[in-house]
């Protein structure tokens, strides 16, 4: 299937892995934000992304669990050679498939990789991330296992997610890390302190998830928003009514700046991310075709240095209310 459009591409750090400047985070099609999208609608959305020039698709065994990889695998099977698929290991699941238990033991990594290969209908995973750092397994053992999988041809590149500086360095010394995936956006800039300088030094690419602040930075969520029990945001402190109200001023001002430039808040937010480093590739997710087109158009927006400074200064002088994770989930972040 030929693509209708092309998009600018970026290399993830010093690696040869080249992908579209904006990827598609597929999690929300099956997991985290309410009921799963109708399977055929999800497949259509993923294929529409390919038609619009996206070559980078992000999934994980935990999304569903398993369902998202299966949908992504079916959607991309006809154009498998044109795209880069990233997935993740790092959990076992309770009897109800809802409980997530950290597990990066080498034998489990191998089992997880075999399962992902089957669901993704592929012979090789382009980018395999450790989903969360497992404090019970030395990162050298994790990196060594993925190194073996790469030698066997089952994996092409190794990634980490939400890992801290020392973990990144230790892993990279065993098997070069192609990309780190962590949250990064105008309203979560912690990676700028230690992570981005480390990645620049080591030549590792950066893949920001939740680049639109889990939807908040689009301007589509206000202080009156409510979330279903099966929507992850229902337990996130930053999405409590008081935090939403407190953070509204930031989104209002972002909307004003975007309107002045003839773009949407989502587009200017993604353009700001792309302007930070040439090896940053955000992966916004959506279930709506018109939002997909809106997000991908951000790849063509070039902000001036003054524009970037204005947006950064806006956040610098804004007190953002609410933690980004509940305490139990924040404990899984390796800092």
C-alpha atoms as a PDB file:
ATOM      1  CA  UNK A   1       0.000   0.000   0.000  1.00  0.00           C
ATOM      2  CA  UNK A   2       1.525   3.330  -1.025  1.00  0.00           C
ATOM      3  CA  UNK A   3       1.318   6.270   1.293  1.00  0.00           C
ATOM      4  CA  UNK A   4      -0.575   9.362   0.157  1.00  0.00           C
ATOM      5  CA  UNK A   5       1.718  11.696   2.060  1.00  0.00           C
ATOM      6  CA  UNK A   6       5.223  11.760   3.359  1.00  0.00           C
ATOM      7  CA  UNK A   7       6.393  13.294   6.583  1.00  0.00           C
ATOM      8  CA  UNK A   8       9.752  14.628   7.665  1.00  0.00           C
ATOM      9  CA  UNK A   9      11.807  11.889   9.270  1.00  0.00           C
ATOM     10  CA  UNK A  10      14.143  11.849  12.251  1.00  0.00           C
ATOM     11  CA  UNK A  11      16.829   9.477  13.460  1.00  0.00           C
ATOM     12  CA  UNK A  12      16.592   8.235  17.031  1.00  0.00           C
ATOM     13  CA  UNK A  13      19.903   9.443  18.417  1.00  0.00           C
ATOM     14  CA  UNK A  14      23.035   8.057  16.772  1.00  0.00           C
ATOM     15  CA  UNK A  15      21.242   4.880  15.720  1.00  0.00           C
ATOM     16  CA  UNK A  16      20.330   4.106  12.105  1.00  0.00           C
ATOM     17  CA  UNK A  17      16.657   3.868  13.110  1.00  0.00           C
ATOM     18  CA  UNK A  18      14.825   6.535  11.091  1.00  0.00           C
ATOM     19  CA  UNK A  19      11.136   7.216  11.698  1.00  0.00           C
ATOM     20  CA  UNK A  20       8.466   9.798  10.927  1.00  0.00           C
ATOM     21  CA  UNK A  21       8.902  12.996  12.967  1.00  0.00           C
ATOM     22  CA  UNK A  22       5.636  12.196  14.763  1.00  0.00           C
ATOM     23  CA  UNK A  23       4.621   8.635  15.575  1.00  0.00           C
ATOM     24  CA  UNK A  24       1.313   7.159  16.699  1.00  0.00           C
ATOM     25  CA  UNK A  25       0.854   6.033  20.277  1.00  0.00           C
ATOM     26  CA  UNK A  26      -1.654   3.196  19.935  1.00  0.00           C
ATOM     27  CA  UNK A  27      -2.388   2.528  23.643  1.00  0.00           C
ATOM     28  CA  UNK A  28      -5.598   4.550  23.812  1.00  0.00           C
ATOM     29  CA  UNK A  29      -7.216   2.438  21.118  1.00  0.00           C
ATOM     30  CA  UNK A  30      -7.384  -0.489  23.563  1.00  0.00           C
ATOM     31  CA  UNK A  31      -6.398   0.616  27.045  1.00  0.00           C
ATOM     32  CA  UNK A  32      -6.324   3.403  29.586  1.00  0.00           C
ATOM     33  CA  UNK A  33      -8.930   5.838  28.333  1.00  0.00           C
ATOM     34  CA  UNK A  34     -12.214   3.988  28.576  1.00  0.00           C
ATOM     35  CA  UNK A  35     -13.553   1.067  26.530  1.00  0.00           C
ATOM     36  CA  UNK A  36     -11.527  -0.271  23.630  1.00  0.00           C
ATOM     37  CA  UNK A  37     -12.214   1.246  20.232  1.00  0.00           C
ATOM     38  CA  UNK A  38     -14.114  -0.956  17.781  1.00  0.00           C
ATOM     39  CA  UNK A  39     -11.498  -3.211  16.207  1.00  0.00           C
ATOM     40  CA  UNK A  40     -12.170  -2.246  12.603  1.00  0.00           C
ATOM     41  CA  UNK A  41     -12.255   1.436  13.495  1.00  0.00           C
ATOM     42  CA  UNK A  42      -8.896   1.074  15.264  1.00  0.00           C
ATOM     43  CA  UNK A  43      -7.396  -0.723  12.264  1.00  0.00           C
ATOM     44  CA  UNK A  44      -8.728   1.995   9.955  1.00  0.00           C
ATOM     45  CA  UNK A  45      -7.195   4.723  12.118  1.00  0.00           C
ATOM     46  CA  UNK A  46      -3.776   3.018  12.161  1.00  0.00           C
ATOM     47  CA  UNK A  47      -3.860   2.555   8.388  1.00  0.00           C
ATOM     48  CA  UNK A  48      -4.935   6.183   7.936  1.00  0.00           C
ATOM     49  CA  UNK A  49      -1.835   7.184   9.887  1.00  0.00           C
ATOM     50  CA  UNK A  50       0.289   5.221   7.401  1.00  0.00           C
ATOM     51  CA  UNK A  51      -1.482   7.025   4.552  1.00  0.00           C
ATOM     52  CA  UNK A  52      -0.532  10.329   6.199  1.00  0.00           C
ATOM     53  CA  UNK A  53       3.136   9.413   6.363  1.00  0.00           C
ATOM     54  CA  UNK A  54       3.477   7.895   9.843  1.00  0.00           C
ATOM     55  CA  UNK A  55       6.082   5.144   9.951  1.00  0.00           C
ATOM     56  CA  UNK A  56       6.450   4.770  13.760  1.00  0.00           C
ATOM     57  CA  UNK A  57       3.858   2.896  15.840  1.00  0.00           C
ATOM     58  CA  UNK A  58       3.992   2.314  19.583  1.00  0.00           C
ATOM     59  CA  UNK A  59       2.276  -0.507  21.472  1.00  0.00           C
ATOM     60  CA  UNK A  60       2.927  -2.839  24.446  1.00  0.00           C
ATOM     61  CA  UNK A  61       1.822  -6.228  25.707  1.00  0.00           C
ATOM     62  CA  UNK A  62       0.286  -4.565  28.781  1.00  0.00           C
ATOM     63  CA  UNK A  63      -2.179  -2.539  26.658  1.00  0.00           C
ATOM     64  CA  UNK A  64      -5.279  -4.633  26.963  1.00  0.00           C
ATOM     65  CA  UNK A  65      -3.353  -6.750  28.001  1.00  0.00           C
ATOM     66  CA  UNK A  66      -2.359  -8.167  24.618  1.00  0.00           C
ATOM     67  CA  UNK A  67      -5.272  -6.701  22.631  1.00  0.00           C
ATOM     68  CA  UNK A  68      -3.425  -3.639  21.377  1.00  0.00           C
ATOM     69  CA  UNK A  69      -0.510  -5.604  19.930  1.00  0.00           C
ATOM     70  CA  UNK A  70      -2.969  -7.860  18.130  1.00  0.00           C
ATOM     71  CA  UNK A  71      -4.808  -4.888  16.585  1.00  0.00           C
ATOM     72  CA  UNK A  72      -1.576  -3.147  15.607  1.00  0.00           C
ATOM     73  CA  UNK A  73      -0.251  -6.373  14.110  1.00  0.00           C
ATOM     74  CA  UNK A  74      -3.332  -6.884  11.957  1.00  0.00           C
ATOM     75  CA  UNK A  75      -3.469  -3.233  10.888  1.00  0.00           C
ATOM     76  CA  UNK A  76       0.160  -3.053   9.799  1.00  0.00           C
ATOM     77  CA  UNK A  77       0.619  -6.539   8.332  1.00  0.00           C
ATOM     78  CA  UNK A  78      -0.031  -5.391   4.717  1.00  0.00           C
ATOM     79  CA  UNK A  79       2.631  -2.661   4.953  1.00  0.00           C
ATOM     80  CA  UNK A  80       4.992  -4.235   7.479  1.00  0.00           C
ATOM     81  CA  UNK A  81       8.148  -3.379   5.531  1.00  0.00           C
ATOM     82  CA  UNK A  82       7.255   0.322   5.443  1.00  0.00           C
ATOM     83  CA  UNK A  83       6.847   0.830   9.180  1.00  0.00           C
ATOM     84  CA  UNK A  84       8.694   0.656  12.482  1.00  0.00           C
ATOM     85  CA  UNK A  85       6.867  -1.075  15.343  1.00  0.00           C
ATOM     86  CA  UNK A  86       7.877  -0.530  18.964  1.00  0.00           C
ATOM     87  CA  UNK A  87       6.545  -2.663  21.793  1.00  0.00           C
ATOM     88  CA  UNK A  88       7.387  -3.295  25.447  1.00  0.00           C
ATOM     89  CA  UNK A  89       7.882  -6.025  28.037  1.00  0.00           C
ATOM     90  CA  UNK A  90       8.153  -5.865  31.803  1.00  0.00           C
ATOM     91  CA  UNK A  91       5.002  -7.164  33.487  1.00  0.00           C
ATOM     92  CA  UNK A  92       3.215 -10.333  34.369  1.00  0.00           C
ATOM     93  CA  UNK A  93      -0.510 -10.172  34.987  1.00  0.00           C
ATOM     94  CA  UNK A  94      -2.737 -11.485  37.753  1.00  0.00           C
ATOM     95  CA  UNK A  95      -5.401 -14.137  37.145  1.00  0.00           C
ATOM     96  CA  UNK A  96      -7.853 -11.441  36.050  1.00  0.00           C
ATOM     97  CA  UNK A  97      -5.289  -9.916  33.639  1.00  0.00           C
ATOM     98  CA  UNK A  98      -5.733  -6.599  35.478  1.00  0.00           C
ATOM     99  CA  UNK A  99      -3.028  -6.751  38.112  1.00  0.00           C
ATOM    100  CA  UNK A 100       0.342  -5.643  36.740  1.00  0.00           C
ATOM    101  CA  UNK A 101       3.387  -7.168  38.441  1.00  0.00           C
ATOM    102  CA  UNK A 102       6.864  -5.959  37.489  1.00  0.00           C
ATOM    103  CA  UNK A 103       8.840  -8.784  35.900  1.00  0.00           C
ATOM    104  CA  UNK A 104      11.986  -8.330  33.806  1.00  0.00           C
ATOM    105  CA  UNK A 105      13.619 -11.659  34.564  1.00  0.00           C
ATOM    106  CA  UNK A 106      15.486 -12.892  31.487  1.00  0.00           C
ATOM    107  CA  UNK A 107      13.263 -15.940  30.956  1.00  0.00           C
ATOM    108  CA  UNK A 108      10.184 -13.729  31.128  1.00  0.00           C
ATOM    109  CA  UNK A 109      11.635 -11.241  28.633  1.00  0.00           C
ATOM    110  CA  UNK A 110      12.078 -14.107  26.186  1.00  0.00           C
ATOM    111  CA  UNK A 111       8.509 -15.328  26.697  1.00  0.00           C
ATOM    112  CA  UNK A 112       7.147 -11.818  26.308  1.00  0.00           C
ATOM    113  CA  UNK A 113       9.112 -11.246  23.106  1.00  0.00           C
ATOM    114  CA  UNK A 114       7.824 -14.487  21.581  1.00  0.00           C
ATOM    115  CA  UNK A 115       4.253 -13.495  22.421  1.00  0.00           C
ATOM    116  CA  UNK A 116       4.730 -10.036  20.933  1.00  0.00           C
ATOM    117  CA  UNK A 117       6.196 -11.457  17.726  1.00  0.00           C
ATOM    118  CA  UNK A 118       3.112 -13.652  17.249  1.00  0.00           C
ATOM    119  CA  UNK A 119       0.577 -10.912  18.000  1.00  0.00           C
ATOM    120  CA  UNK A 120       2.406  -8.383  15.822  1.00  0.00           C
ATOM    121  CA  UNK A 121       2.581 -10.926  12.973  1.00  0.00           C
ATOM    122  CA  UNK A 122       6.252 -10.239  12.420  1.00  0.00           C
ATOM    123  CA  UNK A 123       9.625 -11.989  12.459  1.00  0.00           C
ATOM    124  CA  UNK A 124      11.409  -9.140  14.229  1.00  0.00           C
ATOM    125  CA  UNK A 125      10.486  -6.351  16.655  1.00  0.00           C
ATOM    126  CA  UNK A 126      11.990  -3.072  15.466  1.00  0.00           C
ATOM    127  CA  UNK A 127      12.284  -1.497  18.932  1.00  0.00           C
ATOM    128  CA  UNK A 128      11.789  -3.429  22.171  1.00  0.00           C
ATOM    129  CA  UNK A 129      11.505  -1.372  25.353  1.00  0.00           C
ATOM    130  CA  UNK A 130      11.657  -2.398  28.984  1.00  0.00           C
ATOM    131  CA  UNK A 131       8.325  -0.876  30.027  1.00  0.00           C
ATOM    132  CA  UNK A 132       9.354  -0.042  33.600  1.00  0.00           C
ATOM    133  CA  UNK A 133      12.597  -0.659  35.462  1.00  0.00           C
ATOM    134  CA  UNK A 134      12.398  -3.784  37.655  1.00  0.00           C
ATOM    135  CA  UNK A 135      14.337  -3.153  40.877  1.00  0.00           C
ATOM    136  CA  UNK A 136      14.672  -6.914  41.428  1.00  0.00           C
ATOM    137  CA  UNK A 137      16.573  -7.575  38.199  1.00  0.00           C
ATOM    138  CA  UNK A 138      19.944  -5.930  37.424  1.00  0.00           C
ATOM    139  CA  UNK A 139      19.585  -3.774  34.339  1.00  0.00           C
ATOM    140  CA  UNK A 140      22.715  -5.461  32.960  1.00  0.00           C
ATOM    141  CA  UNK A 141      20.771  -8.747  32.860  1.00  0.00           C
ATOM    142  CA  UNK A 142      17.895  -7.057  31.050  1.00  0.00           C
ATOM    143  CA  UNK A 143      20.186  -5.418  28.495  1.00  0.00           C
ATOM    144  CA  UNK A 144      22.102  -8.671  28.034  1.00  0.00           C
ATOM    145  CA  UNK A 145      18.914 -10.608  27.315  1.00  0.00           C
ATOM    146  CA  UNK A 146      17.797  -8.090  24.708  1.00  0.00           C
ATOM    147  CA  UNK A 147      21.311  -8.150  23.246  1.00  0.00           C
ATOM    148  CA  UNK A 148      20.891 -11.911  22.778  1.00  0.00           C
ATOM    149  CA  UNK A 149      17.495 -11.401  21.128  1.00  0.00           C
ATOM    150  CA  UNK A 150      19.094  -8.895  18.764  1.00  0.00           C
ATOM    151  CA  UNK A 151      21.840 -11.407  17.914  1.00  0.00           C
ATOM    152  CA  UNK A 152      19.106 -13.957  17.156  1.00  0.00           C
ATOM    153  CA  UNK A 153      17.358 -11.517  14.801  1.00  0.00           C
ATOM    154  CA  UNK A 154      14.168 -11.354  16.878  1.00  0.00           C
ATOM    155  CA  UNK A 155      14.724  -7.727  17.907  1.00  0.00           C
ATOM    156  CA  UNK A 156      16.490  -4.879  16.092  1.00  0.00           C
ATOM    157  CA  UNK A 157      16.804  -2.127  18.718  1.00  0.00           C
ATOM    158  CA  UNK A 158      16.688  -1.808  22.528  1.00  0.00           C
ATOM    159  CA  UNK A 159      14.789   0.853  24.433  1.00  0.00           C
ATOM    160  CA  UNK A 160      13.984   1.872  28.009  1.00  0.00           C
ATOM    161  CA  UNK A 161      10.916   3.614  29.423  1.00  0.00           C
ATOM    162  CA  UNK A 162      10.831   5.953  32.434  1.00  0.00           C
ATOM    163  CA  UNK A 163      14.393   4.982  33.362  1.00  0.00           C
ATOM    164  CA  UNK A 164      16.704   7.258  35.317  1.00  0.00           C
ATOM    165  CA  UNK A 165      20.160   8.461  34.339  1.00  0.00           C
ATOM    166  CA  UNK A 166      22.226   5.740  36.046  1.00  0.00           C
ATOM    167  CA  UNK A 167      20.010   2.942  34.738  1.00  0.00           C
ATOM    168  CA  UNK A 168      20.342   4.326  31.222  1.00  0.00           C
ATOM    169  CA  UNK A 169      24.132   4.459  31.496  1.00  0.00           C
ATOM    170  CA  UNK A 170      24.422   0.936  32.890  1.00  0.00           C
ATOM    171  CA  UNK A 171      22.132  -0.543  30.241  1.00  0.00           C
ATOM    172  CA  UNK A 172      23.826   1.350  27.424  1.00  0.00           C
ATOM    173  CA  UNK A 173      27.210  -0.081  28.444  1.00  0.00           C
ATOM    174  CA  UNK A 174      25.902  -3.621  27.808  1.00  0.00           C
ATOM    175  CA  UNK A 175      23.672  -3.063  24.757  1.00  0.00           C
ATOM    176  CA  UNK A 176      23.418   0.365  23.102  1.00  0.00           C
ATOM    177  CA  UNK A 177      20.074   1.965  23.913  1.00  0.00           C
ATOM    178  CA  UNK A 178      18.399   3.358  20.791  1.00  0.00           C
ATOM    179  CA  UNK A 179      15.594   5.274  22.511  1.00  0.00           C
ATOM    180  CA  UNK A 180      14.219   6.276  25.879  1.00  0.00           C
ATOM    181  CA  UNK A 181      10.479   6.723  26.218  1.00  0.00           C
ATOM    182  CA  UNK A 182       9.175   8.937  29.023  1.00  0.00           C
ATOM    183  CA  UNK A 183       6.539  11.566  29.569  1.00  0.00           C
ATOM    184  CA  UNK A 184       7.530  15.011  28.286  1.00  0.00           C
ATOM    185  CA  UNK A 185       5.422  17.996  27.339  1.00  0.00           C
ATOM    186  CA  UNK A 186       4.922  21.674  28.079  1.00  0.00           C
ATOM    187  CA  UNK A 187       3.412  20.725  31.427  1.00  0.00           C
ATOM    188  CA  UNK A 188       5.859  17.957  32.391  1.00  0.00           C
ATOM    189  CA  UNK A 189       9.438  19.103  31.786  1.00  0.00           C
ATOM    190  CA  UNK A 190      11.355  17.052  34.353  1.00  0.00           C
ATOM    191  CA  UNK A 191      13.391  15.245  31.618  1.00  0.00           C
ATOM    192  CA  UNK A 192      15.139  18.529  30.837  1.00  0.00           C
ATOM    193  CA  UNK A 193      17.092  18.344  34.114  1.00  0.00           C
ATOM    194  CA  UNK A 194      19.062  15.087  33.802  1.00  0.00           C
ATOM    195  CA  UNK A 195      17.556  12.902  31.104  1.00  0.00           C
ATOM    196  CA  UNK A 196      17.933  15.046  27.980  1.00  0.00           C
ATOM    197  CA  UNK A 197      21.604  15.917  28.698  1.00  0.00           C
ATOM    198  CA  UNK A 198      22.351  12.215  29.280  1.00  0.00           C
ATOM    199  CA  UNK A 199      20.647  11.188  26.046  1.00  0.00           C
ATOM    200  CA  UNK A 200      22.517  13.896  24.131  1.00  0.00           C
ATOM    201  CA  UNK A 201      25.825  12.698  25.558  1.00  0.00           C
ATOM    202  CA  UNK A 202      25.174   9.026  24.755  1.00  0.00           C
ATOM    203  CA  UNK A 203      23.485   9.543  21.388  1.00  0.00           C
ATOM    204  CA  UNK A 204      20.111   8.095  22.425  1.00  0.00           C
ATOM    205  CA  UNK A 205      16.810   9.195  20.891  1.00  0.00           C
ATOM    206  CA  UNK A 206      13.858  10.398  22.977  1.00  0.00           C
ATOM    207  CA  UNK A 207      10.238   9.368  22.455  1.00  0.00           C
ATOM    208  CA  UNK A 208       7.879  11.499  24.585  1.00  0.00           C
ATOM    209  CA  UNK A 209       4.582   9.874  25.512  1.00  0.00           C
ATOM    210  CA  UNK A 210       1.588  11.965  26.603  1.00  0.00           C
ATOM    211  CA  UNK A 211       3.017  14.894  24.601  1.00  0.00           C
ATOM    212  CA  UNK A 212      -0.389  16.598  24.815  1.00  0.00           C
ATOM    213  CA  UNK A 213      -0.641  16.181  28.582  1.00  0.00           C
ATOM    214  CA  UNK A 214      -3.096  13.245  28.318  1.00  0.00           C
ATOM    215  CA  UNK A 215      -5.406  15.529  26.347  1.00  0.00           C
ATOM    216  CA  UNK A 216      -5.349  18.524  28.663  1.00  0.00           C
ATOM    217  CA  UNK A 217      -3.095  20.696  26.509  1.00  0.00           C
ATOM    218  CA  UNK A 218      -5.484  20.394  23.551  1.00  0.00           C
ATOM    219  CA  UNK A 219      -7.979  22.663  25.322  1.00  0.00           C
ATOM    220  CA  UNK A 220     -10.702  19.999  25.027  1.00  0.00           C
ATOM    221  CA  UNK A 221     -10.800  19.330  28.805  1.00  0.00           C
ATOM    222  CA  UNK A 222     -12.015  21.892  31.325  1.00  0.00           C
ATOM    223  CA  UNK A 223     -12.607  22.052  35.076  1.00  0.00           C
ATOM    224  CA  UNK A 224     -16.019  20.398  34.709  1.00  0.00           C
ATOM    225  CA  UNK A 225     -14.613  17.297  33.016  1.00  0.00           C
ATOM    226  CA  UNK A 226     -15.412  13.913  34.540  1.00  0.00           C
ATOM    227  CA  UNK A 227     -13.741  10.593  33.753  1.00  0.00           C
ATOM    228  CA  UNK A 228     -15.076   7.053  33.773  1.00  0.00           C
ATOM    229  CA  UNK A 229     -13.667   4.506  36.206  1.00  0.00           C
ATOM    230  CA  UNK A 230     -11.901   2.762  33.303  1.00  0.00           C
ATOM    231  CA  UNK A 231     -10.219   6.025  32.277  1.00  0.00           C
ATOM    232  CA  UNK A 232      -6.728   6.259  33.793  1.00  0.00           C
ATOM    233  CA  UNK A 233      -7.171   9.992  34.340  1.00  0.00           C
ATOM    234  CA  UNK A 234      -9.852   9.325  36.974  1.00  0.00           C
ATOM    235  CA  UNK A 235      -7.061   8.507  39.464  1.00  0.00           C
ATOM    236  CA  UNK A 236      -4.478  11.077  38.325  1.00  0.00           C
ATOM    237  CA  UNK A 237      -4.098  13.999  40.770  1.00  0.00           C
ATOM    238  CA  UNK A 238      -3.461  16.427  37.902  1.00  0.00           C
ATOM    239  CA  UNK A 239      -6.980  15.681  36.610  1.00  0.00           C
ATOM    240  CA  UNK A 240      -8.799  16.306  39.887  1.00  0.00           C
ATOM    241  CA  UNK A 241     -11.405  19.109  39.619  1.00  0.00           C
ATOM    242  CA  UNK A 242      -9.306  21.502  41.699  1.00  0.00           C
ATOM    243  CA  UNK A 243      -6.165  20.854  39.622  1.00  0.00           C
ATOM    244  CA  UNK A 244      -8.054  21.214  36.351  1.00  0.00           C
ATOM    245  CA  UNK A 245      -9.434  24.538  37.511  1.00  0.00           C
ATOM    246  CA  UNK A 246      -6.016  25.743  38.660  1.00  0.00           C
ATOM    247  CA  UNK A 247      -4.348  24.712  35.391  1.00  0.00           C
ATOM    248  CA  UNK A 248      -6.993  26.219  33.111  1.00  0.00           C
ATOM    249  CA  UNK A 249      -5.179  29.546  32.838  1.00  0.00           C
ATOM    250  CA  UNK A 250      -2.193  27.850  31.194  1.00  0.00           C
ATOM    251  CA  UNK A 251      -4.379  26.201  28.563  1.00  0.00           C
ATOM    252  CA  UNK A 252      -6.289  29.418  27.916  1.00  0.00           C
ATOM    253  CA  UNK A 253      -3.062  31.299  27.266  1.00  0.00           C
ATOM    254  CA  UNK A 254      -1.724  28.477  25.111  1.00  0.00           C
ATOM    255  CA  UNK A 255      -4.913  28.688  23.074  1.00  0.00           C
ATOM    256  CA  UNK A 256      -4.423  32.429  22.566  1.00  0.00           C
ATOM    257  CA  UNK A 257      -0.850  31.961  21.337  1.00  0.00           C
ATOM    258  CA  UNK A 258      -1.960  29.172  18.996  1.00  0.00           C
ATOM    259  CA  UNK A 259      -4.807  31.250  17.548  1.00  0.00           C
ATOM    260  CA  UNK A 260      -2.429  34.144  16.900  1.00  0.00           C
ATOM    261  CA  UNK A 261      -0.308  31.781  14.807  1.00  0.00           C
ATOM    262  CA  UNK A 262      -3.257  30.192  13.015  1.00  0.00           C
ATOM    263  CA  UNK A 263      -2.742  26.742  14.528  1.00  0.00           C
ATOM    264  CA  UNK A 264      -4.400  24.667  17.261  1.00  0.00           C
ATOM    265  CA  UNK A 265      -3.176  24.251  20.850  1.00  0.00           C
ATOM    266  CA  UNK A 266      -2.312  20.610  20.109  1.00  0.00           C
ATOM    267  CA  UNK A 267      -0.268  21.597  17.086  1.00  0.00           C
ATOM    268  CA  UNK A 268       1.728  24.307  18.833  1.00  0.00           C
ATOM    269  CA  UNK A 269       2.368  21.963  21.766  1.00  0.00           C
ATOM    270  CA  UNK A 270       3.760  19.261  19.466  1.00  0.00           C
ATOM    271  CA  UNK A 271       5.748  21.812  17.460  1.00  0.00           C
ATOM    272  CA  UNK A 272       7.363  23.045  20.701  1.00  0.00           C
ATOM    273  CA  UNK A 273       8.445  19.469  21.496  1.00  0.00           C
ATOM    274  CA  UNK A 274       9.872  18.925  18.014  1.00  0.00           C
ATOM    275  CA  UNK A 275      11.844  22.172  18.358  1.00  0.00           C
ATOM    276  CA  UNK A 276      13.622  20.998  21.516  1.00  0.00           C
ATOM    277  CA  UNK A 277      15.980  18.462  19.886  1.00  0.00           C
ATOM    278  CA  UNK A 278      16.256  16.950  16.389  1.00  0.00           C
ATOM    279  CA  UNK A 279      16.206  13.440  17.901  1.00  0.00           C
ATOM    280  CA  UNK A 280      12.880  13.824  19.728  1.00  0.00           C
ATOM    281  CA  UNK A 281       9.907  11.942  18.229  1.00  0.00           C
ATOM    282  CA  UNK A 282       6.605  12.435  20.097  1.00  0.00           C
ATOM    283  CA  UNK A 283       3.902   9.765  19.894  1.00  0.00           C
ATOM    284  CA  UNK A 284       0.503  11.401  20.473  1.00  0.00           C
ATOM    285  CA  UNK A 285      -2.421   8.997  20.547  1.00  0.00           C
ATOM    286  CA  UNK A 286      -6.007   9.478  19.461  1.00  0.00           C
ATOM    287  CA  UNK A 287      -9.079   7.480  18.517  1.00  0.00           C
ATOM    288  CA  UNK A 288     -10.458  10.175  16.171  1.00  0.00           C
ATOM    289  CA  UNK A 289      -9.410  10.544  12.507  1.00  0.00           C
ATOM    290  CA  UNK A 290      -9.729  14.349  12.548  1.00  0.00           C
ATOM    291  CA  UNK A 291      -7.483  14.580  15.637  1.00  0.00           C
ATOM    292  CA  UNK A 292      -4.968  12.298  13.924  1.00  0.00           C
ATOM    293  CA  UNK A 293      -4.770  14.703  10.973  1.00  0.00           C
ATOM    294  CA  UNK A 294      -4.536  17.696  13.301  1.00  0.00           C
ATOM    295  CA  UNK A 295      -1.673  16.155  15.287  1.00  0.00           C
ATOM    296  CA  UNK A 296       0.312  15.043  12.255  1.00  0.00           C
ATOM    297  CA  UNK A 297       0.080  18.502  10.663  1.00  0.00           C
ATOM    298  CA  UNK A 298       2.242  19.744  13.542  1.00  0.00           C
ATOM    299  CA  UNK A 299       5.260  18.149  11.827  1.00  0.00           C
ATOM    300  CA  UNK A 300       5.110  20.949   9.240  1.00  0.00           C
ATOM    301  CA  UNK A 301       4.994  23.808  11.765  1.00  0.00           C
ATOM    302  CA  UNK A 302       8.317  25.549  12.274  1.00  0.00           C
ATOM    303  CA  UNK A 303       8.496  27.711  15.373  1.00  0.00           C
ATOM    304  CA  UNK A 304      10.981  30.558  15.562  1.00  0.00           C
ATOM    305  CA  UNK A 305      13.419  30.758  18.452  1.00  0.00           C
ATOM    306  CA  UNK A 306      11.262  33.564  19.841  1.00  0.00           C
ATOM    307  CA  UNK A 307       8.153  31.372  19.617  1.00  0.00           C
ATOM    308  CA  UNK A 308       9.890  28.577  21.523  1.00  0.00           C
ATOM    309  CA  UNK A 309      11.131  31.003  24.172  1.00  0.00           C
ATOM    310  CA  UNK A 310       7.641  32.494  24.572  1.00  0.00           C
ATOM    311  CA  UNK A 311       6.051  29.087  25.131  1.00  0.00           C
ATOM    312  CA  UNK A 312       8.790  27.971  27.508  1.00  0.00           C
ATOM    313  CA  UNK A 313       8.534  31.202  29.490  1.00  0.00           C
ATOM    314  CA  UNK A 314       4.769  30.754  29.752  1.00  0.00           C
ATOM    315  CA  UNK A 315       5.269  27.438  31.536  1.00  0.00           C
ATOM    316  CA  UNK A 316       8.219  28.719  33.573  1.00  0.00           C
ATOM    317  CA  UNK A 317       6.009  31.317  35.225  1.00  0.00           C
ATOM    318  CA  UNK A 318       3.046  28.977  35.699  1.00  0.00           C
ATOM    319  CA  UNK A 319       2.552  26.920  38.866  1.00  0.00           C
ATOM    320  CA  UNK A 320       1.119  23.630  37.587  1.00  0.00           C
ATOM    321  CA  UNK A 321      -1.197  21.938  40.073  1.00  0.00           C
ATOM    322  CA  UNK A 322      -1.347  18.193  40.740  1.00  0.00           C
ATOM    323  CA  UNK A 323       1.087  15.307  40.467  1.00  0.00           C
ATOM    324  CA  UNK A 324       1.284  13.506  37.120  1.00  0.00           C
ATOM    325  CA  UNK A 325       0.839  10.042  38.689  1.00  0.00           C
ATOM    326  CA  UNK A 326      -0.807   8.583  41.794  1.00  0.00           C
ATOM    327  CA  UNK A 327       1.837   7.627  44.367  1.00  0.00           C
ATOM    328  CA  UNK A 328       1.726   3.882  43.580  1.00  0.00           C
ATOM    329  CA  UNK A 329       2.482   4.470  39.896  1.00  0.00           C
ATOM    330  CA  UNK A 330       5.082   7.150  40.571  1.00  0.00           C
ATOM    331  CA  UNK A 331       6.936   4.548  42.666  1.00  0.00           C
ATOM    332  CA  UNK A 332       7.570   2.605  39.445  1.00  0.00           C
ATOM    333  CA  UNK A 333       9.449   5.487  37.877  1.00  0.00           C
ATOM    334  CA  UNK A 334      13.203   4.999  38.114  1.00  0.00           C
ATOM    335  CA  UNK A 335      14.761   8.296  39.149  1.00  0.00           C
END
